PDB file of N, CA and C in Angstrom:
ATOM      1  N   UNK A   1       0.840  -1.186   0.000  1.00  0.00           N
ATOM      2  CA  UNK A   1       0.000   0.000   0.000  1.00  0.00           C
ATOM      3  C   UNK A   1       0.886   1.251   0.000  1.00  0.00           C
ATOM      4  N   UNK A   2       0.554   2.214  -0.834  1.00  0.00           N
ATOM      5  CA  UNK A   2       1.317   3.465  -0.907  1.00  0.00           C
ATOM      6  C   UNK A   2       1.018   4.333   0.306  1.00  0.00           C
ATOM      7  N   UNK A   3       2.035   5.025   0.769  1.00  0.00           N
ATOM      8  CA  UNK A   3       1.871   5.925   1.924  1.00  0.00           C
ATOM      9  C   UNK A   3       1.486   7.315   1.451  1.00  0.00           C
ATOM     10  N   UNK A   4       0.602   7.938   2.184  1.00  0.00           N
ATOM     11  CA  UNK A   4       0.208   9.316   1.899  1.00  0.00           C
ATOM     12  C   UNK A   4       1.301  10.238   2.418  1.00  0.00           C
ATOM     13  N   UNK A   5       1.474  11.348   1.742  1.00  0.00           N
ATOM     14  CA  UNK A   5       2.446  12.356   2.145  1.00  0.00           C
ATOM     15  C   UNK A   5       1.712  13.645   2.437  1.00  0.00           C
ATOM     16  N   UNK A   6       2.191  14.354   3.445  1.00  0.00           N
ATOM     17  CA  UNK A   6       1.566  15.618   3.826  1.00  0.00           C
ATOM     18  C   UNK A   6       2.056  16.758   2.949  1.00  0.00           C
ATOM     19  N   UNK A   7       1.113  17.485   2.381  1.00  0.00           N
ATOM     20  CA  UNK A   7       1.368  18.666   1.569  1.00  0.00           C
ATOM     21  C   UNK A   7       0.569  19.812   2.166  1.00  0.00           C
ATOM     22  N   UNK A   8       0.943  21.031   1.818  1.00  0.00           N
ATOM     23  CA  UNK A   8       0.195  22.194   2.291  1.00  0.00           C
ATOM     24  C   UNK A   8       0.125  23.248   1.203  1.00  0.00           C
ATOM     25  N   UNK A   9      -1.062  23.823   1.039  1.00  0.00           N
ATOM     26  CA  UNK A   9      -1.257  24.997   0.190  1.00  0.00           C
ATOM     27  C   UNK A   9      -1.279  26.204   1.116  1.00  0.00           C
ATOM     28  N   UNK A  10      -0.330  27.107   0.936  1.00  0.00           N
ATOM     29  CA  UNK A  10      -0.289  28.346   1.712  1.00  0.00           C
ATOM     30  C   UNK A  10      -0.960  29.424   0.882  1.00  0.00           C
ATOM     31  N   UNK A  11      -2.040  29.990   1.408  1.00  0.00           N
ATOM     32  CA  UNK A  11      -2.866  30.961   0.695  1.00  0.00           C
ATOM     33  C   UNK A  11      -2.497  32.374   1.148  1.00  0.00           C
ATOM     34  N   UNK A  12      -2.439  33.298   0.171  1.00  0.00           N
ATOM     35  CA  UNK A  12      -2.032  34.673   0.440  1.00  0.00           C
ATOM     36  C   UNK A  12      -3.165  35.650   0.174  1.00  0.00           C
ATOM     37  N   UNK A  13      -3.122  36.787   0.870  1.00  0.00           N
ATOM     38  CA  UNK A  13      -4.118  37.836   0.719  1.00  0.00           C
ATOM     39  C   UNK A  13      -3.674  38.896  -0.261  1.00  0.00           C
ATOM     40  N   UNK A  14      -4.495  39.918  -0.428  1.00  0.00           N
ATOM     41  CA  UNK A  14      -4.240  41.000  -1.375  1.00  0.00           C
ATOM     42  C   UNK A  14      -2.938  41.730  -1.076  1.00  0.00           C
ATOM     43  N   UNK A  15      -2.558  41.811   0.193  1.00  0.00           N
ATOM     44  CA  UNK A  15      -1.333  42.498   0.577  1.00  0.00           C
ATOM     45  C   UNK A  15      -0.104  41.600   0.477  1.00  0.00           C
ATOM     46  N   UNK A  16      -0.288  40.354   0.032  1.00  0.00           N
ATOM     47  CA  UNK A  16       0.819  39.422  -0.108  1.00  0.00           C
ATOM     48  C   UNK A  16       1.165  38.683   1.171  1.00  0.00           C
ATOM     49  N   UNK A  17       0.446  38.963   2.256  1.00  0.00           N
ATOM     50  CA  UNK A  17       0.688  38.287   3.521  1.00  0.00           C
ATOM     51  C   UNK A  17      -0.035  36.946   3.561  1.00  0.00           C
ATOM     52  N   UNK A  18       0.514  36.034   4.334  1.00  0.00           N
ATOM     53  CA  UNK A  18      -0.073  34.721   4.553  1.00  0.00           C
ATOM     54  C   UNK A  18      -1.465  34.861   5.167  1.00  0.00           C
ATOM     55  N   UNK A  19      -2.446  34.155   4.579  1.00  0.00           N
ATOM     56  CA  UNK A  19      -3.828  34.210   5.065  1.00  0.00           C
ATOM     57  C   UNK A  19      -4.249  32.908   5.736  1.00  0.00           C
ATOM     58  N   UNK A  20      -3.696  31.793   5.308  1.00  0.00           N
ATOM     59  CA  UNK A  20      -4.090  30.505   5.863  1.00  0.00           C
ATOM     60  C   UNK A  20      -3.505  29.370   5.052  1.00  0.00           C
ATOM     61  N   UNK A  21      -3.801  28.144   5.483  1.00  0.00           N
ATOM     62  CA  UNK A  21      -3.293  26.999   4.741  1.00  0.00           C
ATOM     63  C   UNK A  21      -4.347  25.916   4.653  1.00  0.00           C
ATOM     64  N   UNK A  22      -4.174  25.096   3.628  1.00  0.00           N
ATOM     65  CA  UNK A  22      -5.018  23.929   3.421  1.00  0.00           C
ATOM     66  C   UNK A  22      -4.087  22.737   3.395  1.00  0.00           C
ATOM     67  N   UNK A  23      -4.319  21.781   4.296  1.00  0.00           N
ATOM     68  CA  UNK A  23      -3.496  20.578   4.337  1.00  0.00           C
ATOM     69  C   UNK A  23      -4.044  19.559   3.352  1.00  0.00           C
ATOM     70  N   UNK A  24      -3.137  18.883   2.657  1.00  0.00           N
ATOM     71  CA  UNK A  24      -3.501  17.863   1.678  1.00  0.00           C
ATOM     72  C   UNK A  24      -2.761  16.572   1.996  1.00  0.00           C
ATOM     73  N   UNK A  25      -3.417  15.442   1.837  1.00  0.00           N
ATOM     74  CA  UNK A  25      -2.771  14.132   1.898  1.00  0.00           C
ATOM     75  C   UNK A  25      -2.808  13.564   0.495  1.00  0.00           C
ATOM     76  N   UNK A  26      -1.634  13.428  -0.116  1.00  0.00           N
ATOM     77  CA  UNK A  26      -1.553  12.969  -1.497  1.00  0.00           C
ATOM     78  C   UNK A  26      -0.524  11.850  -1.610  1.00  0.00           C
ATOM     79  N   UNK A  27      -0.643  11.049  -2.660  1.00  0.00           N
ATOM     80  CA  UNK A  27       0.285   9.947  -2.890  1.00  0.00           C
ATOM     81  C   UNK A  27       1.554  10.382  -3.605  1.00  0.00           C
ATOM     82  N   UNK A  28       1.515  11.560  -4.270  1.00  0.00           N
ATOM     83  CA  UNK A  28       2.686  11.985  -5.049  1.00  0.00           C
ATOM     84  C   UNK A  28       2.694  13.501  -5.216  1.00  0.00           C
ATOM     85  N   UNK A  29       3.852  14.020  -5.619  1.00  0.00           N
ATOM     86  CA  UNK A  29       3.954  15.440  -5.940  1.00  0.00           C
ATOM     87  C   UNK A  29       3.005  15.791  -7.076  1.00  0.00           C
ATOM     88  N   UNK A  30       2.909  14.910  -8.064  1.00  0.00           N
ATOM     89  CA  UNK A  30       2.036  15.169  -9.207  1.00  0.00           C
ATOM     90  C   UNK A  30       0.586  15.331  -8.801  1.00  0.00           C
ATOM     91  N   UNK A  31       0.112  14.460  -7.918  1.00  0.00           N
ATOM     92  CA  UNK A  31      -1.266  14.574  -7.442  1.00  0.00           C
ATOM     93  C   UNK A  31      -1.477  15.889  -6.699  1.00  0.00           C
ATOM     94  N   UNK A  32      -0.530  16.240  -5.835  1.00  0.00           N
ATOM     95  CA  UNK A  32      -0.633  17.502  -5.083  1.00  0.00           C
ATOM     96  C   UNK A  32      -0.610  18.699  -6.026  1.00  0.00           C
ATOM     97  N   UNK A  33       0.216  18.650  -7.062  1.00  0.00           N
ATOM     98  CA  UNK A  33       0.290  19.764  -8.019  1.00  0.00           C
ATOM     99  C   UNK A  33      -0.997  19.900  -8.813  1.00  0.00           C
ATOM    100  N   UNK A  34      -1.619  18.781  -9.180  1.00  0.00           N
ATOM    101  CA  UNK A  34      -2.907  18.852  -9.888  1.00  0.00           C
ATOM    102  C   UNK A  34      -3.959  19.528  -9.014  1.00  0.00           C
ATOM    103  N   UNK A  35      -3.979  19.189  -7.735  1.00  0.00           N
ATOM    104  CA  UNK A  35      -4.931  19.825  -6.817  1.00  0.00           C
ATOM    105  C   UNK A  35      -4.620  21.313  -6.694  1.00  0.00           C
ATOM    106  N   UNK A  36      -3.344  21.642  -6.509  1.00  0.00           N
ATOM    107  CA  UNK A  36      -2.938  23.047  -6.367  1.00  0.00           C
ATOM    108  C   UNK A  36      -3.259  23.841  -7.626  1.00  0.00           C
ATOM    109  N   UNK A  37      -3.056  23.238  -8.789  1.00  0.00           N
ATOM    110  CA  UNK A  37      -3.330  23.924 -10.053  1.00  0.00           C
ATOM    111  C   UNK A  37      -4.811  24.225 -10.206  1.00  0.00           C
ATOM    112  N   UNK A  38      -5.671  23.319  -9.750  1.00  0.00           N
ATOM    113  CA  UNK A  38      -7.111  23.503  -9.884  1.00  0.00           C
ATOM    114  C   UNK A  38      -7.750  24.301  -8.759  1.00  0.00           C
ATOM    115  N   UNK A  39      -6.980  24.592  -7.712  1.00  0.00           N
ATOM    116  CA  UNK A  39      -7.547  25.302  -6.556  1.00  0.00           C
ATOM    117  C   UNK A  39      -7.790  26.774  -6.878  1.00  0.00           C
ATOM    118  N   UNK A  40      -8.847  27.311  -6.310  1.00  0.00           N
ATOM    119  CA  UNK A  40      -9.159  28.730  -6.462  1.00  0.00           C
ATOM    120  C   UNK A  40      -8.596  29.506  -5.279  1.00  0.00           C
ATOM    121  N   UNK A  41      -7.910  30.582  -5.567  1.00  0.00           N
ATOM    122  CA  UNK A  41      -7.504  31.521  -4.522  1.00  0.00           C
ATOM    123  C   UNK A  41      -7.392  32.889  -5.180  1.00  0.00           C
ATOM    124  N   UNK A  42      -7.984  33.909  -4.578  1.00  0.00           N
ATOM    125  CA  UNK A  42      -8.039  35.217  -5.218  1.00  0.00           C
ATOM    126  C   UNK A  42      -6.684  35.868  -5.434  1.00  0.00           C
ATOM    127  N   UNK A  43      -5.685  35.506  -4.623  1.00  0.00           N
ATOM    128  CA  UNK A  43      -4.392  36.180  -4.725  1.00  0.00           C
ATOM    129  C   UNK A  43      -3.219  35.220  -4.848  1.00  0.00           C
ATOM    130  N   UNK A  44      -3.488  33.950  -5.103  1.00  0.00           N
ATOM    131  CA  UNK A  44      -2.442  32.967  -5.325  1.00  0.00           C
ATOM    132  C   UNK A  44      -2.110  32.141  -4.089  1.00  0.00           C
ATOM    133  N   UNK A  45      -1.405  31.033  -4.336  1.00  0.00           N
ATOM    134  CA  UNK A  45      -1.016  30.135  -3.262  1.00  0.00           C
ATOM    135  C   UNK A  45       0.256  29.386  -3.637  1.00  0.00           C
ATOM    136  N   UNK A  46       0.930  28.870  -2.623  1.00  0.00           N
ATOM    137  CA  UNK A  46       2.138  28.077  -2.795  1.00  0.00           C
ATOM    138  C   UNK A  46       1.863  26.657  -2.339  1.00  0.00           C
ATOM    139  N   UNK A  47       2.548  25.704  -2.980  1.00  0.00           N
ATOM    140  CA  UNK A  47       2.457  24.305  -2.583  1.00  0.00           C
ATOM    141  C   UNK A  47       3.779  23.879  -1.967  1.00  0.00           C
ATOM    142  N   UNK A  48       3.692  23.259  -0.800  1.00  0.00           N
ATOM    143  CA  UNK A  48       4.868  22.765  -0.084  1.00  0.00           C
ATOM    144  C   UNK A  48       4.666  21.316   0.315  1.00  0.00           C
ATOM    145  N   UNK A  49       5.759  20.549   0.313  1.00  0.00           N
ATOM    146  CA  UNK A  49       5.816  19.207   0.899  1.00  0.00           C
ATOM    147  C   UNK A  49       6.832  19.302   2.020  1.00  0.00           C
ATOM    148  N   UNK A  50       6.360  19.384   3.240  1.00  0.00           N
ATOM    149  CA  UNK A  50       7.269  19.600   4.366  1.00  0.00           C
ATOM    150  C   UNK A  50       8.011  20.915   4.179  1.00  0.00           C
ATOM    151  N   UNK A  51       9.348  20.849   4.161  1.00  0.00           N
ATOM    152  CA  UNK A  51      10.175  22.036   3.963  1.00  0.00           C
ATOM    153  C   UNK A  51      10.522  22.290   2.495  1.00  0.00           C
ATOM    154  N   UNK A  52       9.955  21.492   1.596  1.00  0.00           N
ATOM    155  CA  UNK A  52      10.283  21.597   0.167  1.00  0.00           C
ATOM    156  C   UNK A  52       9.219  22.396  -0.583  1.00  0.00           C
ATOM    157  N   UNK A  53       9.643  23.510  -1.177  1.00  0.00           N
ATOM    158  CA  UNK A  53       8.767  24.342  -2.006  1.00  0.00           C
ATOM    159  C   UNK A  53       8.567  23.654  -3.343  1.00  0.00           C
ATOM    160  N   UNK A  54       7.298  23.463  -3.741  1.00  0.00           N
ATOM    161  CA  UNK A  54       6.994  22.788  -5.002  1.00  0.00           C
ATOM    162  C   UNK A  54       6.465  23.713  -6.077  1.00  0.00           C
ATOM    163  N   UNK A  55       5.958  24.895  -5.703  1.00  0.00           N
ATOM    164  CA  UNK A  55       5.503  25.797  -6.748  1.00  0.00           C
ATOM    165  C   UNK A  55       4.553  26.875  -6.271  1.00  0.00           C
ATOM    166  N   UNK A  56       4.490  27.931  -7.086  1.00  0.00           N
ATOM    167  CA  UNK A  56       3.583  29.061  -6.884  1.00  0.00           C
ATOM    168  C   UNK A  56       2.481  28.939  -7.913  1.00  0.00           C
ATOM    169  N   UNK A  57       1.248  29.149  -7.490  1.00  0.00           N
ATOM    170  CA  UNK A  57       0.097  29.061  -8.371  1.00  0.00           C
ATOM    171  C   UNK A  57      -0.660  30.374  -8.278  1.00  0.00           C
ATOM    172  N   UNK A  58      -0.815  31.037  -9.409  1.00  0.00           N
ATOM    173  CA  UNK A  58      -1.425  32.357  -9.449  1.00  0.00           C
ATOM    174  C   UNK A  58      -2.901  32.345  -9.117  1.00  0.00           C
ATOM    175  N   UNK A  59      -3.467  33.517  -9.073  1.00  0.00           N
ATOM    176  CA  UNK A  59      -4.863  33.717  -8.675  1.00  0.00           C
ATOM    177  C   UNK A  59      -5.827  33.077  -9.663  1.00  0.00           C
ATOM    178  N   UNK A  60      -6.998  32.728  -9.127  1.00  0.00           N
ATOM    179  CA  UNK A  60      -8.087  32.248  -9.966  1.00  0.00           C
ATOM    180  C   UNK A  60      -8.109  30.753 -10.132  1.00  0.00           C
ATOM    181  N   UNK A  61      -9.168  30.286 -10.727  1.00  0.00           N
ATOM    182  CA  UNK A  61      -9.356  28.854 -10.971  1.00  0.00           C
ATOM    183  C   UNK A  61      -8.903  28.517 -12.367  1.00  0.00           C
ATOM    184  N   UNK A  62      -8.470  27.295 -12.541  1.00  0.00           N
ATOM    185  CA  UNK A  62      -8.064  26.814 -13.850  1.00  0.00           C
ATOM    186  C   UNK A  62      -8.844  25.550 -14.174  1.00  0.00           C
ATOM    187  N   UNK A  63      -8.885  25.209 -15.407  1.00  0.00           N
ATOM    188  CA  UNK A  63      -9.588  23.995 -15.835  1.00  0.00           C
ATOM    189  C   UNK A  63      -8.576  22.913 -16.105  1.00  0.00           C
ATOM    190  N   UNK A  64      -8.819  21.735 -15.539  1.00  0.00           N
ATOM    191  CA  UNK A  64      -7.968  20.579 -15.786  1.00  0.00           C
ATOM    192  C   UNK A  64      -8.707  19.631 -16.730  1.00  0.00           C
ATOM    193  N   UNK A  65      -8.015  19.207 -17.759  1.00  0.00           N
ATOM    194  CA  UNK A  65      -8.627  18.216 -18.649  1.00  0.00           C
ATOM    195  C   UNK A  65      -7.748  16.981 -18.644  1.00  0.00           C
ATOM    196  N   UNK A  66      -8.365  15.841 -18.616  1.00  0.00           N
ATOM    197  CA  UNK A  66      -7.653  14.572 -18.632  1.00  0.00           C
ATOM    198  C   UNK A  66      -7.715  14.015 -20.038  1.00  0.00           C
ATOM    199  N   UNK A  67      -6.555  13.770 -20.631  1.00  0.00           N
ATOM    200  CA  UNK A  67      -6.515  13.216 -21.995  1.00  0.00           C
ATOM    201  C   UNK A  67      -6.339  11.728 -21.961  1.00  0.00           C
TER     202      UNK A  67
END
């Protein structure tokens, strides 16, 4: 059985300050990135796995299509 890994989306406000976080349990970086890419946040968010920065995701919602 695959182990879940703890990820966090850090959400920012209009002034660029930290507003809150959403904890995610995902099986891989790819799964966490797909969730982060599709997440809505008015001013953007960052994805982290523990102390590892995985990416910045800009404001607004995006559409994910599976091919």
